[in-house]
Amino acid sequence: MFTQDDAEAIAKKLHCTPDERKGHKYYELFVHGRLVTSFGVRRASKEKGHGHLPHALHITQKQCRDLSNCPLSEDEYLQILRDKNQL
């Protein structure tokens, strides 16, 4: 399961824009001025509760784990989205 720290690490790696909505933290990924995806970070879930990340980022569980833990770079992530016609 993905943690709050994983979500924050991914947001930082992808240079996401923070957006506070009604007291909740969201991150938005813009590429060339276009919103590609957004995802929320649940405050009360320090240890678990971010299983939505792979779906929100349009990648597999493994790719999401790799994005969080560094084997998958930002450029590689964006290429995955291009290959899926998401970008």
C-alpha atoms as a PDB file:
ATOM      1  CA  MET A   1       0.000   0.000   0.000  1.00  0.00           C
ATOM      2  CA  PHE A   2       1.166   3.516  -0.670  1.00  0.00           C
ATOM      3  CA  THR A   3       1.667   5.908   2.220  1.00  0.00           C
ATOM      4  CA  GLN A   4       1.363   9.641   2.625  1.00  0.00           C
ATOM      5  CA  ASP A   5       5.153   9.850   2.311  1.00  0.00           C
ATOM      6  CA  ASP A   6       4.987   7.998  -1.038  1.00  0.00           C
ATOM      7  CA  ALA A   7       2.385  10.467  -2.318  1.00  0.00           C
ATOM      8  CA  GLU A   8       4.499  13.431  -1.206  1.00  0.00           C
ATOM      9  CA  ALA A   9       7.660  11.948  -2.778  1.00  0.00           C
ATOM     10  CA  ILE A  10       5.881  11.435  -6.094  1.00  0.00           C
ATOM     11  CA  ALA A  11       4.458  14.966  -6.036  1.00  0.00           C
ATOM     12  CA  LYS A  12       7.927  16.368  -5.408  1.00  0.00           C
ATOM     13  CA  LYS A  13       9.591  14.231  -8.095  1.00  0.00           C
ATOM     14  CA  LEU A  14       6.992  15.232 -10.699  1.00  0.00           C
ATOM     15  CA  HIS A  15       7.106  18.920  -9.687  1.00  0.00           C
ATOM     16  CA  CYS A  16       3.359  18.910  -9.052  1.00  0.00           C
ATOM     17  CA  THR A  17       1.527  22.064  -8.115  1.00  0.00           C
ATOM     18  CA  PRO A  18      -0.057  21.944  -4.635  1.00  0.00           C
ATOM     19  CA  ASP A  19      -3.739  22.821  -4.387  1.00  0.00           C
ATOM     20  CA  GLU A  20      -5.627  23.059  -1.095  1.00  0.00           C
ATOM     21  CA  ARG A  21      -9.308  22.198  -1.517  1.00  0.00           C
ATOM     22  CA  LYS A  22     -11.642  22.427   1.441  1.00  0.00           C
ATOM     23  CA  GLY A  23      -8.862  21.589   3.868  1.00  0.00           C
ATOM     24  CA  HIS A  24      -7.510  18.667   1.842  1.00  0.00           C
ATOM     25  CA  LYS A  25      -4.193  18.572   0.037  1.00  0.00           C
ATOM     26  CA  TYR A  26      -4.211  17.861  -3.693  1.00  0.00           C
ATOM     27  CA  TYR A  27      -1.429  17.923  -6.224  1.00  0.00           C
ATOM     28  CA  GLU A  28      -1.829  18.706  -9.899  1.00  0.00           C
ATOM     29  CA  LEU A  29       0.580  17.760 -12.667  1.00  0.00           C
ATOM     30  CA  PHE A  30       0.712  20.199 -15.559  1.00  0.00           C
ATOM     31  CA  VAL A  31       2.731  19.507 -18.703  1.00  0.00           C
ATOM     32  CA  HIS A  32       3.017  22.321 -21.256  1.00  0.00           C
ATOM     33  CA  GLY A  33       0.279  24.191 -19.398  1.00  0.00           C
ATOM     34  CA  ARG A  34      -2.173  21.279 -19.615  1.00  0.00           C
ATOM     35  CA  LEU A  35      -3.494  19.438 -16.571  1.00  0.00           C
ATOM     36  CA  VAL A  36      -2.429  15.811 -16.935  1.00  0.00           C
ATOM     37  CA  THR A  37      -3.584  14.425 -13.595  1.00  0.00           C
ATOM     38  CA  SER A  38      -4.315  15.297 -10.003  1.00  0.00           C
ATOM     39  CA  PHE A  39      -4.341  13.299  -6.796  1.00  0.00           C
ATOM     40  CA  GLY A  40      -5.170  13.838  -3.169  1.00  0.00           C
ATOM     41  CA  VAL A  41      -3.036  13.245  -0.100  1.00  0.00           C
ATOM     42  CA  ARG A  42      -5.020  12.000   2.847  1.00  0.00           C
ATOM     43  CA  ARG A  43      -3.845  13.619   6.056  1.00  0.00           C
ATOM     44  CA  ALA A  44      -5.115  10.973   8.469  1.00  0.00           C
ATOM     45  CA  SER A  45      -3.378   8.153   6.630  1.00  0.00           C
ATOM     46  CA  LYS A  46       0.286   8.376   7.533  1.00  0.00           C
ATOM     47  CA  GLU A  47       0.757   4.623   7.105  1.00  0.00           C
ATOM     48  CA  LYS A  48      -1.745   3.597   4.416  1.00  0.00           C
ATOM     49  CA  GLY A  49      -4.679   4.669   2.369  1.00  0.00           C
ATOM     50  CA  HIS A  50      -3.148   5.926  -0.871  1.00  0.00           C
ATOM     51  CA  GLY A  51      -4.059   2.979  -3.079  1.00  0.00           C
ATOM     52  CA  HIS A  52      -5.602   5.470  -5.511  1.00  0.00           C
ATOM     53  CA  LEU A  53      -2.196   6.719  -6.677  1.00  0.00           C
ATOM     54  CA  PRO A  54      -1.531   4.220  -9.511  1.00  0.00           C
ATOM     55  CA  HIS A  55      -4.963   4.815 -11.007  1.00  0.00           C
ATOM     56  CA  ALA A  56      -4.697   8.611 -10.662  1.00  0.00           C
ATOM     57  CA  LEU A  57      -1.224   8.586 -12.239  1.00  0.00           C
ATOM     58  CA  HIS A  58      -2.283   6.198 -15.054  1.00  0.00           C
ATOM     59  CA  ILE A  59       0.407   3.640 -14.197  1.00  0.00           C
ATOM     60  CA  THR A  60       0.705   0.184 -12.654  1.00  0.00           C
ATOM     61  CA  GLN A  61       1.293  -0.550  -8.969  1.00  0.00           C
ATOM     62  CA  LYS A  62       4.920  -1.474  -9.720  1.00  0.00           C
ATOM     63  CA  GLN A  63       5.521   1.666 -11.771  1.00  0.00           C
ATOM     64  CA  CYS A  64       4.029   3.754  -8.980  1.00  0.00           C
ATOM     65  CA  ARG A  65       6.297   2.077  -6.406  1.00  0.00           C
ATOM     66  CA  ASP A  66       9.288   2.674  -8.696  1.00  0.00           C
ATOM     67  CA  LEU A  67       8.275   6.318  -9.140  1.00  0.00           C
ATOM     68  CA  SER A  68       8.138   6.756  -5.378  1.00  0.00           C
ATOM     69  CA  ASN A  69      11.400   4.895  -4.685  1.00  0.00           C
ATOM     70  CA  CYS A  70      13.454   6.460  -7.510  1.00  0.00           C
ATOM     71  CA  PRO A  71      14.090   3.722 -10.118  1.00  0.00           C
ATOM     72  CA  LEU A  72      11.501   5.414 -12.382  1.00  0.00           C
ATOM     73  CA  SER A  73      12.432   8.970 -13.329  1.00  0.00           C
ATOM     74  CA  GLU A  74      10.127  11.841 -14.197  1.00  0.00           C
ATOM     75  CA  ASP A  75      11.141  11.583 -17.865  1.00  0.00           C
ATOM     76  CA  GLU A  76      10.422   7.846 -17.895  1.00  0.00           C
ATOM     77  CA  TYR A  77       7.029   8.453 -16.282  1.00  0.00           C
ATOM     78  CA  LEU A  78       6.150  11.062 -18.897  1.00  0.00           C
ATOM     79  CA  GLN A  79       7.200   8.633 -21.638  1.00  0.00           C
ATOM     80  CA  ILE A  80       4.828   6.012 -20.195  1.00  0.00           C
ATOM     81  CA  LEU A  81       2.026   8.562 -20.430  1.00  0.00           C
ATOM     82  CA  ARG A  82       3.005   9.388 -24.032  1.00  0.00           C
ATOM     83  CA  ASP A  83       2.978   5.692 -24.909  1.00  0.00           C
ATOM     84  CA  LYS A  84      -0.565   5.438 -23.486  1.00  0.00           C
ATOM     85  CA  ASN A  85      -1.673   8.613 -25.327  1.00  0.00           C
ATOM     86  CA  GLN A  86      -2.302  10.251 -21.935  1.00  0.00           C
ATOM     87  CA  LEU A  87       0.050  13.098 -22.745  1.00  0.00           C
END
